[in-house]
Amino acid sequence: MATNQAKQKWQMYVKRGGDHYACCDHCGKKLYGKCEKHELIPRSKSTPDATSYDLLLVEELSSLLCVDCHQHWHSGNSAPTPTQMRDVLFRKNIEFYGREAVQAALDALKGDLNYVLDIELPED
C-alpha cells in the first residue's frame, strides 16, 4: 500500500507542475519535491481492506502540503480549525480538478461507507 501512496503523491506532484511550479495547497510555498500527501478525510473513516479506503486516497480528496503545514495540520493546533483548513484545501482541489470531479469523488466515498459522513464541499 505504501508504494501505491508514494506513486500517487508523485503523480500529483508532477500534475501540479513538478519542481518548477508545484506549491503547498495551504501556504503556497514551492515544494521542490519535499511534500506530504494529505487526505482531506481521515483514513480512520474506513478500513484498509475496504473499497472506501481506496476512495479516501484519490487525488480529488487529497492535497499536497509542505512539511510544515502537514505537521501543523496533525499537531492539533487550533488555528485554523481542522474544518477551516479542510475547506481551504477543498477549494484548492475544486480550483484544480473542478467542482464536479471533487463532488463525484466525495459522493463515491459516501456511497461506499456504511454510515453517514457529514462532510460537504464548501460554498464558492
PDB file of N, CA and C in Angstrom:
ATOM      1  N   MET A   1       0.830  -1.200   0.000  1.00  0.00           N
ATOM      2  CA  MET A   1       0.000   0.000   0.000  1.00  0.00           C
ATOM      3  C   MET A   1       0.870   1.257   0.000  1.00  0.00           C
ATOM      4  N   ALA A   2       1.965   1.247   0.772  1.00  0.00           N
ATOM      5  CA  ALA A   2       2.804   2.442   0.869  1.00  0.00           C
ATOM      6  C   ALA A   2       3.378   2.826  -0.491  1.00  0.00           C
ATOM      7  N   THR A   3       3.757   1.831  -1.289  1.00  0.00           N
ATOM      8  CA  THR A   3       4.304   2.108  -2.606  1.00  0.00           C
ATOM      9  C   THR A   3       3.261   2.799  -3.482  1.00  0.00           C
ATOM     10  N   ASN A   4       2.027   2.324  -3.423  1.00  0.00           N
ATOM     11  CA  ASN A   4       0.959   2.934  -4.202  1.00  0.00           C
ATOM     12  C   ASN A   4       0.733   4.389  -3.768  1.00  0.00           C
ATOM     13  N   GLN A   5       0.786   4.649  -2.465  1.00  0.00           N
ATOM     14  CA  GLN A   5       0.594   6.003  -1.980  1.00  0.00           C
ATOM     15  C   GLN A   5       1.752   6.906  -2.418  1.00  0.00           C
ATOM     16  N   ALA A   6       2.969   6.388  -2.418  1.00  0.00           N
ATOM     17  CA  ALA A   6       4.116   7.169  -2.884  1.00  0.00           C
ATOM     18  C   ALA A   6       3.962   7.490  -4.370  1.00  0.00           C
ATOM     19  N   LYS A   7       3.483   6.526  -5.137  1.00  0.00           N
ATOM     20  CA  LYS A   7       3.249   6.741  -6.570  1.00  0.00           C
ATOM     21  C   LYS A   7       2.174   7.805  -6.779  1.00  0.00           C
ATOM     22  N   GLN A   8       1.089   7.728  -5.986  1.00  0.00           N
ATOM     23  CA  GLN A   8       0.020   8.721  -6.086  1.00  0.00           C
ATOM     24  C   GLN A   8       0.551  10.114  -5.769  1.00  0.00           C
ATOM     25  N   LYS A   9       1.373  10.210  -4.733  1.00  0.00           N
ATOM     26  CA  LYS A   9       1.931  11.508  -4.353  1.00  0.00           C
ATOM     27  C   LYS A   9       2.797  12.056  -5.490  1.00  0.00           C
ATOM     28  N   TRP A  10       3.627  11.215  -6.074  1.00  0.00           N
ATOM     29  CA  TRP A  10       4.492  11.648  -7.168  1.00  0.00           C
ATOM     30  C   TRP A  10       3.662  12.114  -8.365  1.00  0.00           C
ATOM     31  N   GLN A  11       2.604  11.367  -8.692  1.00  0.00           N
ATOM     32  CA  GLN A  11       1.746  11.742  -9.821  1.00  0.00           C
ATOM     33  C   GLN A  11       1.078  13.092  -9.562  1.00  0.00           C
ATOM     34  N   MET A  12       0.612  13.317  -8.344  1.00  0.00           N
ATOM     35  CA  MET A  12       0.013  14.616  -8.006  1.00  0.00           C
ATOM     36  C   MET A  12       1.041  15.729  -8.145  1.00  0.00           C
ATOM     37  N   TYR A  13       2.238  15.474  -7.666  1.00  0.00           N
ATOM     38  CA  TYR A  13       3.316  16.459  -7.703  1.00  0.00           C
ATOM     39  C   TYR A  13       3.630  16.853  -9.148  1.00  0.00           C
ATOM     40  N   VAL A  14       3.745  15.857 -10.016  1.00  0.00           N
ATOM     41  CA  VAL A  14       4.049  16.116 -11.428  1.00  0.00           C
ATOM     42  C   VAL A  14       2.902  16.875 -12.087  1.00  0.00           C
ATOM     43  N   LYS A  15       1.641  16.452 -11.835  1.00  0.00           N
ATOM     44  CA  LYS A  15       0.485  17.134 -12.426  1.00  0.00           C
ATOM     45  C   LYS A  15       0.415  18.601 -12.013  1.00  0.00           C
ATOM     46  N   ARG A  16       0.901  18.892 -10.840  1.00  0.00           N
ATOM     47  CA  ARG A  16       0.827  20.272 -10.329  1.00  0.00           C
ATOM     48  C   ARG A  16       2.063  21.089 -10.677  1.00  0.00           C
ATOM     49  N   GLY A  17       2.901  20.563 -11.551  1.00  0.00           N
ATOM     50  CA  GLY A  17       3.998  21.350 -12.071  1.00  0.00           C
ATOM     51  C   GLY A  17       5.389  20.907 -11.681  1.00  0.00           C
ATOM     52  N   GLY A  18       5.508  19.870 -10.880  1.00  0.00           N
ATOM     53  CA  GLY A  18       6.819  19.338 -10.515  1.00  0.00           C
ATOM     54  C   GLY A  18       7.698  20.351  -9.794  1.00  0.00           C
ATOM     55  N   ASP A  19       9.000  20.194  -9.957  1.00  0.00           N
ATOM     56  CA  ASP A  19       9.974  21.022  -9.232  1.00  0.00           C
ATOM     57  C   ASP A  19       9.842  22.512  -9.519  1.00  0.00           C
ATOM     58  N   HIS A  20       9.371  22.873 -10.680  1.00  0.00           N
ATOM     59  CA  HIS A  20       9.323  24.292 -11.046  1.00  0.00           C
ATOM     60  C   HIS A  20       8.088  25.021 -10.534  1.00  0.00           C
ATOM     61  N   TYR A  21       6.952  24.311 -10.413  1.00  0.00           N
ATOM     62  CA  TYR A  21       5.703  25.024 -10.128  1.00  0.00           C
ATOM     63  C   TYR A  21       4.869  24.489  -8.959  1.00  0.00           C
ATOM     64  N   ALA A  22       5.061  23.239  -8.554  1.00  0.00           N
ATOM     65  CA  ALA A  22       4.202  22.661  -7.512  1.00  0.00           C
ATOM     66  C   ALA A  22       4.380  23.415  -6.194  1.00  0.00           C
ATOM     67  N   CYS A  23       3.251  23.806  -5.610  1.00  0.00           N
ATOM     68  CA  CYS A  23       3.256  24.580  -4.366  1.00  0.00           C
ATOM     69  C   CYS A  23       2.365  23.905  -3.331  1.00  0.00           C
ATOM     70  N   CYS A  24       2.617  24.213  -2.073  1.00  0.00           N
ATOM     71  CA  CYS A  24       1.793  23.724  -0.975  1.00  0.00           C
ATOM     72  C   CYS A  24       0.361  24.238  -1.160  1.00  0.00           C
ATOM     73  N   ASP A  25      -0.603  23.339  -1.014  1.00  0.00           N
ATOM     74  CA  ASP A  25      -2.005  23.717  -1.185  1.00  0.00           C
ATOM     75  C   ASP A  25      -2.505  24.624  -0.071  1.00  0.00           C
ATOM     76  N   HIS A  26      -1.769  24.738   1.011  1.00  0.00           N
ATOM     77  CA  HIS A  26      -2.218  25.602   2.105  1.00  0.00           C
ATOM     78  C   HIS A  26      -1.490  26.942   2.100  1.00  0.00           C
ATOM     79  N   CYS A  27      -0.158  26.928   2.172  1.00  0.00           N
ATOM     80  CA  CYS A  27       0.571  28.197   2.314  1.00  0.00           C
ATOM     81  C   CYS A  27       1.095  28.748   0.992  1.00  0.00           C
ATOM     82  N   GLY A  28       1.141  27.915  -0.057  1.00  0.00           N
ATOM     83  CA  GLY A  28       1.594  28.375  -1.356  1.00  0.00           C
ATOM     84  C   GLY A  28       3.098  28.311  -1.578  1.00  0.00           C
ATOM     85  N   LYS A  29       3.839  27.833  -0.587  1.00  0.00           N
ATOM     86  CA  LYS A  29       5.301  27.735  -0.708  1.00  0.00           C
ATOM     87  C   LYS A  29       5.666  26.663  -1.741  1.00  0.00           C
ATOM     88  N   LYS A  30       6.687  26.947  -2.568  1.00  0.00           N
ATOM     89  CA  LYS A  30       7.154  25.955  -3.547  1.00  0.00           C
ATOM     90  C   LYS A  30       7.645  24.722  -2.808  1.00  0.00           C
ATOM     91  N   LEU A  31       7.337  23.556  -3.370  1.00  0.00           N
ATOM     92  CA  LEU A  31       7.604  22.297  -2.677  1.00  0.00           C
ATOM     93  C   LEU A  31       8.981  21.705  -2.967  1.00  0.00           C
ATOM     94  N   TYR A  32       9.493  21.869  -4.167  1.00  0.00           N
ATOM     95  CA  TYR A  32      10.792  21.319  -4.557  1.00  0.00           C
ATOM     96  C   TYR A  32      10.945  19.856  -4.145  1.00  0.00           C
ATOM     97  N   GLY A  33       9.875  19.078  -4.287  1.00  0.00           N
ATOM     98  CA  GLY A  33       9.922  17.649  -4.001  1.00  0.00           C
ATOM     99  C   GLY A  33       9.711  17.281  -2.550  1.00  0.00           C
ATOM    100  N   LYS A  34       9.727  18.253  -1.652  1.00  0.00           N
ATOM    101  CA  LYS A  34       9.578  17.967  -0.226  1.00  0.00           C
ATOM    102  C   LYS A  34       8.142  18.247   0.186  1.00  0.00           C
ATOM    103  N   CYS A  35       7.291  17.237   0.002  1.00  0.00           N
ATOM    104  CA  CYS A  35       5.872  17.432   0.287  1.00  0.00           C
ATOM    105  C   CYS A  35       5.283  16.172   0.887  1.00  0.00           C
ATOM    106  N   GLU A  36       4.119  16.344   1.442  1.00  0.00           N
ATOM    107  CA  GLU A  36       3.352  15.243   2.015  1.00  0.00           C
ATOM    108  C   GLU A  36       1.993  15.212   1.343  1.00  0.00           C
ATOM    109  N   LYS A  37       1.511  14.018   1.035  1.00  0.00           N
ATOM    110  CA  LYS A  37       0.158  13.848   0.508  1.00  0.00           C
ATOM    111  C   LYS A  37      -0.763  13.748   1.713  1.00  0.00           C
ATOM    112  N   HIS A  38      -1.744  14.617   1.750  1.00  0.00           N
ATOM    113  CA  HIS A  38      -2.657  14.672   2.889  1.00  0.00           C
ATOM    114  C   HIS A  38      -4.062  14.348   2.425  1.00  0.00           C
ATOM    115  N   GLU A  39      -4.685  13.364   3.049  1.00  0.00           N
ATOM    116  CA  GLU A  39      -6.063  13.022   2.730  1.00  0.00           C
ATOM    117  C   GLU A  39      -6.986  13.980   3.480  1.00  0.00           C
ATOM    118  N   LEU A  40      -7.949  14.559   2.786  1.00  0.00           N
ATOM    119  CA  LEU A  40      -8.854  15.526   3.407  1.00  0.00           C
ATOM    120  C   LEU A  40      -9.860  14.865   4.339  1.00  0.00           C
ATOM    121  N   ILE A  41     -10.079  13.588   4.147  1.00  0.00           N
ATOM    122  CA  ILE A  41     -10.955  12.827   5.026  1.00  0.00           C
ATOM    123  C   ILE A  41     -10.079  11.746   5.663  1.00  0.00           C
ATOM    124  N   PRO A  42     -10.013  11.708   6.986  1.00  0.00           N
ATOM    125  CA  PRO A  42      -9.079  10.801   7.667  1.00  0.00           C
ATOM    126  C   PRO A  42      -9.260   9.335   7.267  1.00  0.00           C
ATOM    127  N   ARG A  43      -8.131   8.636   7.161  1.00  0.00           N
ATOM    128  CA  ARG A  43      -8.166   7.213   6.828  1.00  0.00           C
ATOM    129  C   ARG A  43      -8.914   6.407   7.882  1.00  0.00           C
ATOM    130  N   SER A  44      -8.995   6.933   9.073  1.00  0.00           N
ATOM    131  CA  SER A  44      -9.700   6.232  10.150  1.00  0.00           C
ATOM    132  C   SER A  44     -11.187   6.087   9.852  1.00  0.00           C
ATOM    133  N   LYS A  45     -11.679   6.787   8.851  1.00  0.00           N
ATOM    134  CA  LYS A  45     -13.091   6.692   8.475  1.00  0.00           C
ATOM    135  C   LYS A  45     -13.383   5.399   7.705  1.00  0.00           C
ATOM    136  N   SER A  46     -12.356   4.592   7.454  1.00  0.00           N
ATOM    137  CA  SER A  46     -12.527   3.365   6.694  1.00  0.00           C
ATOM    138  C   SER A  46     -11.600   2.297   7.252  1.00  0.00           C
ATOM    139  N   THR A  47     -11.621   1.119   6.634  1.00  0.00           N
ATOM    140  CA  THR A  47     -10.683   0.050   6.981  1.00  0.00           C
ATOM    141  C   THR A  47      -9.825  -0.239   5.764  1.00  0.00           C
ATOM    142  N   PRO A  48      -8.553  -0.629   5.976  1.00  0.00           N
ATOM    143  CA  PRO A  48      -7.622  -0.793   4.852  1.00  0.00           C
ATOM    144  C   PRO A  48      -8.053  -1.791   3.782  1.00  0.00           C
ATOM    145  N   ASP A  49      -8.926  -2.736   4.107  1.00  0.00           N
ATOM    146  CA  ASP A  49      -9.319  -3.728   3.110  1.00  0.00           C
ATOM    147  C   ASP A  49     -10.631  -3.377   2.408  1.00  0.00           C
ATOM    148  N   ALA A  50     -11.187  -2.212   2.708  1.00  0.00           N
ATOM    149  CA  ALA A  50     -12.472  -1.815   2.119  1.00  0.00           C
ATOM    150  C   ALA A  50     -12.266  -0.949   0.880  1.00  0.00           C
ATOM    151  N   THR A  51     -13.249  -0.963  -0.011  1.00  0.00           N
ATOM    152  CA  THR A  51     -13.215  -0.105  -1.194  1.00  0.00           C
ATOM    153  C   THR A  51     -13.140   1.359  -0.780  1.00  0.00           C
ATOM    154  N   SER A  52     -13.826   1.695   0.306  1.00  0.00           N
ATOM    155  CA  SER A  52     -13.840   3.088   0.759  1.00  0.00           C
ATOM    156  C   SER A  52     -12.436   3.580   1.116  1.00  0.00           C
ATOM    157  N   TYR A  53     -11.551   2.679   1.538  1.00  0.00           N
ATOM    158  CA  TYR A  53     -10.178   3.073   1.847  1.00  0.00           C
ATOM    159  C   TYR A  53      -9.499   3.605   0.586  1.00  0.00           C
ATOM    160  N   ASP A  54      -9.670   2.900  -0.525  1.00  0.00           N
ATOM    161  CA  ASP A  54      -9.090   3.360  -1.797  1.00  0.00           C
ATOM    162  C   ASP A  54      -9.724   4.668  -2.243  1.00  0.00           C
ATOM    163  N   LEU A  55     -11.019   4.833  -1.981  1.00  0.00           N
ATOM    164  CA  LEU A  55     -11.718   6.065  -2.360  1.00  0.00           C
ATOM    165  C   LEU A  55     -11.238   7.262  -1.537  1.00  0.00           C
ATOM    166  N   LEU A  56     -10.762   7.020  -0.316  1.00  0.00           N
ATOM    167  CA  LEU A  56     -10.215   8.101   0.511  1.00  0.00           C
ATOM    168  C   LEU A  56      -8.920   8.651  -0.067  1.00  0.00           C
ATOM    169  N   LEU A  57      -8.216   7.822  -0.832  1.00  0.00           N
ATOM    170  CA  LEU A  57      -6.874   8.175  -1.290  1.00  0.00           C
ATOM    171  C   LEU A  57      -6.822   8.836  -2.662  1.00  0.00           C
ATOM    172  N   VAL A  58      -7.974   9.030  -3.308  1.00  0.00           N
ATOM    173  CA  VAL A  58      -7.964   9.612  -4.655  1.00  0.00           C
ATOM    174  C   VAL A  58      -7.475  11.059  -4.608  1.00  0.00           C
ATOM    175  N   GLU A  59      -6.920  11.511  -5.707  1.00  0.00           N
ATOM    176  CA  GLU A  59      -6.358  12.865  -5.796  1.00  0.00           C
ATOM    177  C   GLU A  59      -7.365  13.953  -5.449  1.00  0.00           C
ATOM    178  N   GLU A  60      -8.607  13.777  -5.893  1.00  0.00           N
ATOM    179  CA  GLU A  60      -9.616  14.811  -5.678  1.00  0.00           C
ATOM    180  C   GLU A  60      -9.937  15.016  -4.193  1.00  0.00           C
ATOM    181  N   LEU A  61      -9.611  14.029  -3.360  1.00  0.00           N
ATOM    182  CA  LEU A  61      -9.852  14.136  -1.920  1.00  0.00           C
ATOM    183  C   LEU A  61      -8.541  14.201  -1.140  1.00  0.00           C
ATOM    184  N   SER A  62      -7.463  14.571  -1.842  1.00  0.00           N
ATOM    185  CA  SER A  62      -6.139  14.674  -1.226  1.00  0.00           C
ATOM    186  C   SER A  62      -5.514  16.014  -1.580  1.00  0.00           C
ATOM    187  N   SER A  63      -4.516  16.393  -0.793  1.00  0.00           N
ATOM    188  CA  SER A  63      -3.781  17.634  -1.055  1.00  0.00           C
ATOM    189  C   SER A  63      -2.298  17.391  -0.914  1.00  0.00           C
ATOM    190  N   LEU A  64      -1.518  18.274  -1.531  1.00  0.00           N
ATOM    191  CA  LEU A  64      -0.074  18.283  -1.323  1.00  0.00           C
ATOM    192  C   LEU A  64       0.253  19.422  -0.377  1.00  0.00           C
ATOM    193  N   LEU A  65       0.925  19.096   0.708  1.00  0.00           N
ATOM    194  CA  LEU A  65       1.289  20.096   1.704  1.00  0.00           C
ATOM    195  C   LEU A  65       2.791  20.078   1.928  1.00  0.00           C
ATOM    196  N   CYS A  66       3.344  21.245   2.237  1.00  0.00           N
ATOM    197  CA  CYS A  66       4.735  21.280   2.658  1.00  0.00           C
ATOM    198  C   CYS A  66       4.815  20.595   4.022  1.00  0.00           C
ATOM    199  N   VAL A  67       6.008  20.233   4.429  1.00  0.00           N
ATOM    200  CA  VAL A  67       6.183  19.513   5.685  1.00  0.00           C
ATOM    201  C   VAL A  67       5.658  20.331   6.860  1.00  0.00           C
ATOM    202  N   ASP A  68       5.907  21.641   6.866  1.00  0.00           N
ATOM    203  CA  ASP A  68       5.458  22.486   7.974  1.00  0.00           C
ATOM    204  C   ASP A  68       3.934  22.509   8.093  1.00  0.00           C
ATOM    205  N   CYS A  69       3.239  22.694   6.974  1.00  0.00           N
ATOM    206  CA  CYS A  69       1.771  22.729   7.008  1.00  0.00           C
ATOM    207  C   CYS A  69       1.202  21.370   7.400  1.00  0.00           C
ATOM    208  N   HIS A  70       1.830  20.295   6.913  1.00  0.00           N
ATOM    209  CA  HIS A  70       1.350  18.954   7.260  1.00  0.00           C
ATOM    210  C   HIS A  70       1.518  18.699   8.756  1.00  0.00           C
ATOM    211  N   GLN A  71       2.647  19.113   9.320  1.00  0.00           N
ATOM    212  CA  GLN A  71       2.857  18.962  10.758  1.00  0.00           C
ATOM    213  C   GLN A  71       1.858  19.813  11.530  1.00  0.00           C
ATOM    214  N   HIS A  72       1.621  21.022  11.064  1.00  0.00           N
ATOM    215  CA  HIS A  72       0.658  21.904  11.720  1.00  0.00           C
ATOM    216  C   HIS A  72      -0.730  21.255  11.733  1.00  0.00           C
ATOM    217  N   TRP A  73      -1.121  20.678  10.595  1.00  0.00           N
ATOM    218  CA  TRP A  73      -2.423  20.040  10.474  1.00  0.00           C
ATOM    219  C   TRP A  73      -2.573  18.931  11.523  1.00  0.00           C
ATOM    220  N   HIS A  74      -1.526  18.113  11.684  1.00  0.00           N
ATOM    221  CA  HIS A  74      -1.608  16.954  12.571  1.00  0.00           C
ATOM    222  C   HIS A  74      -1.238  17.260  14.017  1.00  0.00           C
ATOM    223  N   SER A  75      -0.799  18.479  14.297  1.00  0.00           N
ATOM    224  CA  SER A  75      -0.370  18.811  15.659  1.00  0.00           C
ATOM    225  C   SER A  75      -1.536  19.129  16.584  1.00  0.00           C
ATOM    226  N   GLY A  76      -2.702  19.374  16.024  1.00  0.00           N
ATOM    227  CA  GLY A  76      -3.855  19.713  16.848  1.00  0.00           C
ATOM    228  C   GLY A  76      -3.925  21.191  17.182  1.00  0.00           C
ATOM    229  N   ASN A  77      -3.097  22.022  16.529  1.00  0.00           N
ATOM    230  CA  ASN A  77      -3.191  23.468  16.753  1.00  0.00           C
ATOM    231  C   ASN A  77      -4.580  23.950  16.367  1.00  0.00           C
ATOM    232  N   SER A  78      -5.060  24.951  17.053  1.00  0.00           N
ATOM    233  CA  SER A  78      -6.447  25.368  16.866  1.00  0.00           C
ATOM    234  C   SER A  78      -6.669  26.380  15.743  1.00  0.00           C
ATOM    235  N   ALA A  79      -5.619  26.981  15.216  1.00  0.00           N
ATOM    236  CA  ALA A  79      -5.821  27.995  14.183  1.00  0.00           C
ATOM    237  C   ALA A  79      -5.036  27.604  12.935  1.00  0.00           C
ATOM    238  N   PRO A  80      -5.635  27.393  11.806  1.00  0.00           N
ATOM    239  CA  PRO A  80      -7.083  27.313  11.622  1.00  0.00           C
ATOM    240  C   PRO A  80      -7.611  25.985  12.146  1.00  0.00           C
ATOM    241  N   THR A  81      -8.911  25.909  12.363  1.00  0.00           N
ATOM    242  CA  THR A  81      -9.512  24.664  12.826  1.00  0.00           C
ATOM    243  C   THR A  81      -9.425  23.620  11.712  1.00  0.00           C
ATOM    244  N   PRO A  82      -9.511  22.340  12.053  1.00  0.00           N
ATOM    245  CA  PRO A  82      -9.480  21.309  11.004  1.00  0.00           C
ATOM    246  C   PRO A  82     -10.542  21.525   9.925  1.00  0.00           C
ATOM    247  N   THR A  83     -11.737  21.948  10.312  1.00  0.00           N
ATOM    248  CA  THR A  83     -12.796  22.189   9.324  1.00  0.00           C
ATOM    249  C   THR A  83     -12.431  23.352   8.415  1.00  0.00           C
ATOM    250  N   GLN A  84     -11.884  24.433   8.981  1.00  0.00           N
ATOM    251  CA  GLN A  84     -11.483  25.583   8.170  1.00  0.00           C
ATOM    252  C   GLN A  84     -10.371  25.197   7.199  1.00  0.00           C
ATOM    253  N   MET A  85      -9.385  24.440   7.681  1.00  0.00           N
ATOM    254  CA  MET A  85      -8.282  24.049   6.815  1.00  0.00           C
ATOM    255  C   MET A  85      -8.771  23.088   5.734  1.00  0.00           C
ATOM    256  N   ARG A  86      -9.652  22.147   6.099  1.00  0.00           N
ATOM    257  CA  ARG A  86     -10.188  21.228   5.093  1.00  0.00           C
ATOM    258  C   ARG A  86     -10.932  22.003   4.014  1.00  0.00           C
ATOM    259  N   ASP A  87     -11.687  23.040   4.400  1.00  0.00           N
ATOM    260  CA  ASP A  87     -12.395  23.854   3.413  1.00  0.00           C
ATOM    261  C   ASP A  87     -11.424  24.572   2.480  1.00  0.00           C
ATOM    262  N   VAL A  88     -10.337  25.096   3.026  1.00  0.00           N
ATOM    263  CA  VAL A  88      -9.310  25.743   2.193  1.00  0.00           C
ATOM    264  C   VAL A  88      -8.758  24.740   1.186  1.00  0.00           C
ATOM    265  N   LEU A  89      -8.453  23.538   1.649  1.00  0.00           N
ATOM    266  CA  LEU A  89      -7.880  22.520   0.769  1.00  0.00           C
ATOM    267  C   LEU A  89      -8.906  22.007  -0.244  1.00  0.00           C
ATOM    268  N   PHE A  90     -10.151  21.873   0.180  1.00  0.00           N
ATOM    269  CA  PHE A  90     -11.198  21.504  -0.784  1.00  0.00           C
ATOM    270  C   PHE A  90     -11.314  22.568  -1.872  1.00  0.00           C
ATOM    271  N   ARG A  91     -11.254  23.844  -1.502  1.00  0.00           N
ATOM    272  CA  ARG A  91     -11.340  24.913  -2.507  1.00  0.00           C
ATOM    273  C   ARG A  91     -10.184  24.819  -3.509  1.00  0.00           C
ATOM    274  N   LYS A  92      -8.987  24.509  -3.025  1.00  0.00           N
ATOM    275  CA  LYS A  92      -7.844  24.329  -3.932  1.00  0.00           C
ATOM    276  C   LYS A  92      -8.113  23.186  -4.903  1.00  0.00           C
ATOM    277  N   ASN A  93      -8.655  22.075  -4.392  1.00  0.00           N
ATOM    278  CA  ASN A  93      -8.938  20.940  -5.261  1.00  0.00           C
ATOM    279  C   ASN A  93     -10.041  21.262  -6.258  1.00  0.00           C
ATOM    280  N   ILE A  94     -11.041  22.016  -5.831  1.00  0.00           N
ATOM    281  CA  ILE A  94     -12.112  22.434  -6.739  1.00  0.00           C
ATOM    282  C   ILE A  94     -11.528  23.304  -7.854  1.00  0.00           C
ATOM    283  N   GLU A  95     -10.609  24.190  -7.497  1.00  0.00           N
ATOM    284  CA  GLU A  95      -9.943  25.047  -8.480  1.00  0.00           C
ATOM    285  C   GLU A  95      -9.124  24.211  -9.460  1.00  0.00           C
ATOM    286  N   PHE A  96      -8.446  23.170  -8.965  1.00  0.00           N
ATOM    287  CA  PHE A  96      -7.554  22.367  -9.804  1.00  0.00           C
ATOM    288  C   PHE A  96      -8.312  21.312 -10.613  1.00  0.00           C
ATOM    289  N   TYR A  97      -9.220  20.570  -9.983  1.00  0.00           N
ATOM    290  CA  TYR A  97      -9.903  19.452 -10.640  1.00  0.00           C
ATOM    291  C   TYR A  97     -11.304  19.799 -11.145  1.00  0.00           C
ATOM    292  N   GLY A  98     -11.905  20.859 -10.580  1.00  0.00           N
ATOM    293  CA  GLY A  98     -13.278  21.216 -10.906  1.00  0.00           C
ATOM    294  C   GLY A  98     -14.229  20.686  -9.843  1.00  0.00           C
ATOM    295  N   ARG A  99     -15.279  21.468  -9.577  1.00  0.00           N
ATOM    296  CA  ARG A  99     -16.246  21.105  -8.527  1.00  0.00           C
ATOM    297  C   ARG A  99     -16.887  19.741  -8.807  1.00  0.00           C
ATOM    298  N   GLU A 100     -17.244  19.476 -10.060  1.00  0.00           N
ATOM    299  CA  GLU A 100     -17.924  18.216 -10.387  1.00  0.00           C
ATOM    300  C   GLU A 100     -17.059  17.009 -10.056  1.00  0.00           C
ATOM    301  N   ALA A 101     -15.771  17.066 -10.375  1.00  0.00           N
ATOM    302  CA  ALA A 101     -14.876  15.927 -10.106  1.00  0.00           C
ATOM    303  C   ALA A 101     -14.691  15.700  -8.611  1.00  0.00           C
ATOM    304  N   VAL A 102     -14.525  16.788  -7.854  1.00  0.00           N
ATOM    305  CA  VAL A 102     -14.348  16.654  -6.407  1.00  0.00           C
ATOM    306  C   VAL A 102     -15.649  16.152  -5.771  1.00  0.00           C
ATOM    307  N   GLN A 103     -16.785  16.689  -6.211  1.00  0.00           N
ATOM    308  CA  GLN A 103     -18.074  16.239  -5.676  1.00  0.00           C
ATOM    309  C   GLN A 103     -18.309  14.772  -6.015  1.00  0.00           C
ATOM    310  N   ALA A 104     -17.951  14.351  -7.229  1.00  0.00           N
ATOM    311  CA  ALA A 104     -18.122  12.952  -7.632  1.00  0.00           C
ATOM    312  C   ALA A 104     -17.280  12.028  -6.754  1.00  0.00           C
ATOM    313  N   ALA A 105     -16.054  12.427  -6.445  1.00  0.00           N
ATOM    314  CA  ALA A 105     -15.194  11.618  -5.577  1.00  0.00           C
ATOM    315  C   ALA A 105     -15.779  11.524  -4.173  1.00  0.00           C
ATOM    316  N   LEU A 106     -16.270  12.644  -3.659  1.00  0.00           N
ATOM    317  CA  LEU A 106     -16.872  12.655  -2.323  1.00  0.00           C
ATOM    318  C   LEU A 106     -18.151  11.811  -2.300  1.00  0.00           C
ATOM    319  N   ASP A 107     -18.969  11.921  -3.332  1.00  0.00           N
ATOM    320  CA  ASP A 107     -20.205  11.136  -3.409  1.00  0.00           C
ATOM    321  C   ASP A 107     -19.901   9.634  -3.506  1.00  0.00           C
ATOM    322  N   ALA A 108     -18.862   9.266  -4.272  1.00  0.00           N
ATOM    323  CA  ALA A 108     -18.484   7.858  -4.388  1.00  0.00           C
ATOM    324  C   ALA A 108     -18.062   7.306  -3.026  1.00  0.00           C
ATOM    325  N   LEU A 109     -17.302   8.093  -2.295  1.00  0.00           N
ATOM    326  CA  LEU A 109     -16.887   7.675  -0.954  1.00  0.00           C
ATOM    327  C   LEU A 109     -18.093   7.517  -0.041  1.00  0.00           C
ATOM    328  N   LYS A 110     -18.959   8.525  -0.032  1.00  0.00           N
ATOM    329  CA  LYS A 110     -20.150   8.467   0.826  1.00  0.00           C
ATOM    330  C   LYS A 110     -21.032   7.274   0.476  1.00  0.00           C
ATOM    331  N   GLY A 111     -21.121   6.948  -0.811  1.00  0.00           N
ATOM    332  CA  GLY A 111     -21.944   5.827  -1.242  1.00  0.00           C
ATOM    333  C   GLY A 111     -21.397   4.481  -0.812  1.00  0.00           C
ATOM    334  N   ASP A 112     -20.101   4.406  -0.559  1.00  0.00           N
ATOM    335  CA  ASP A 112     -19.480   3.137  -0.179  1.00  0.00           C
ATOM    336  C   ASP A 112     -19.450   2.924   1.332  1.00  0.00           C
ATOM    337  N   LEU A 113     -19.554   3.986   2.099  1.00  0.00           N
ATOM    338  CA  LEU A 113     -19.483   3.863   3.558  1.00  0.00           C
ATOM    339  C   LEU A 113     -20.794   3.315   4.116  1.00  0.00           C
ATOM    340  N   ASN A 114     -20.699   2.648   5.249  1.00  0.00           N
ATOM    341  CA  ASN A 114     -21.911   2.106   5.872  1.00  0.00           C
ATOM    342  C   ASN A 114     -22.402   3.003   7.007  1.00  0.00           C
ATOM    343  N   TYR A 115     -22.033   4.264   6.960  1.00  0.00           N
ATOM    344  CA  TYR A 115     -22.521   5.270   7.906  1.00  0.00           C
ATOM    345  C   TYR A 115     -22.575   6.607   7.179  1.00  0.00           C
ATOM    346  N   VAL A 116     -23.174   7.604   7.805  1.00  0.00           N
ATOM    347  CA  VAL A 116     -23.305   8.927   7.184  1.00  0.00           C
ATOM    348  C   VAL A 116     -22.043   9.734   7.461  1.00  0.00           C
ATOM    349  N   LEU A 117     -21.390  10.173   6.393  1.00  0.00           N
ATOM    350  CA  LEU A 117     -20.222  11.046   6.502  1.00  0.00           C
ATOM    351  C   LEU A 117     -20.716  12.479   6.368  1.00  0.00           C
ATOM    352  N   ASP A 118     -20.647  13.214   7.444  1.00  0.00           N
ATOM    353  CA  ASP A 118     -21.211  14.564   7.492  1.00  0.00           C
ATOM    354  C   ASP A 118     -20.173  15.605   7.055  1.00  0.00           C
ATOM    355  N   ILE A 119     -19.717  15.500   5.825  1.00  0.00           N
ATOM    356  CA  ILE A 119     -18.758  16.444   5.249  1.00  0.00           C
ATOM    357  C   ILE A 119     -19.309  16.869   3.896  1.00  0.00           C
ATOM    358  N   GLU A 120     -19.370  18.169   3.689  1.00  0.00           N
ATOM    359  CA  GLU A 120     -19.835  18.716   2.418  1.00  0.00           C
ATOM    360  C   GLU A 120     -18.766  19.636   1.854  1.00  0.00           C
ATOM    361  N   LEU A 121     -18.802  19.839   0.557  1.00  0.00           N
ATOM    362  CA  LEU A 121     -17.879  20.802  -0.056  1.00  0.00           C
ATOM    363  C   LEU A 121     -18.264  22.209   0.375  1.00  0.00           C
ATOM    364  N   PRO A 122     -17.260  23.080   0.540  1.00  0.00           N
ATOM    365  CA  PRO A 122     -17.575  24.456   0.901  1.00  0.00           C
ATOM    366  C   PRO A 122     -18.243  25.184  -0.263  1.00  0.00           C
ATOM    367  N   GLU A 123     -19.014  26.177   0.076  1.00  0.00           N
ATOM    368  CA  GLU A 123     -19.634  27.005  -0.955  1.00  0.00           C
ATOM    369  C   GLU A 123     -18.554  27.826  -1.640  1.00  0.00           C
ATOM    370  N   ASP A 124     -18.865  28.308  -2.828  1.00  0.00           N
ATOM    371  CA  ASP A 124     -17.888  29.103  -3.603  1.00  0.00           C
ATOM    372  C   ASP A 124     -17.511  30.339  -2.898  1.00  0.00           C
TER     373      ASP A 124
END
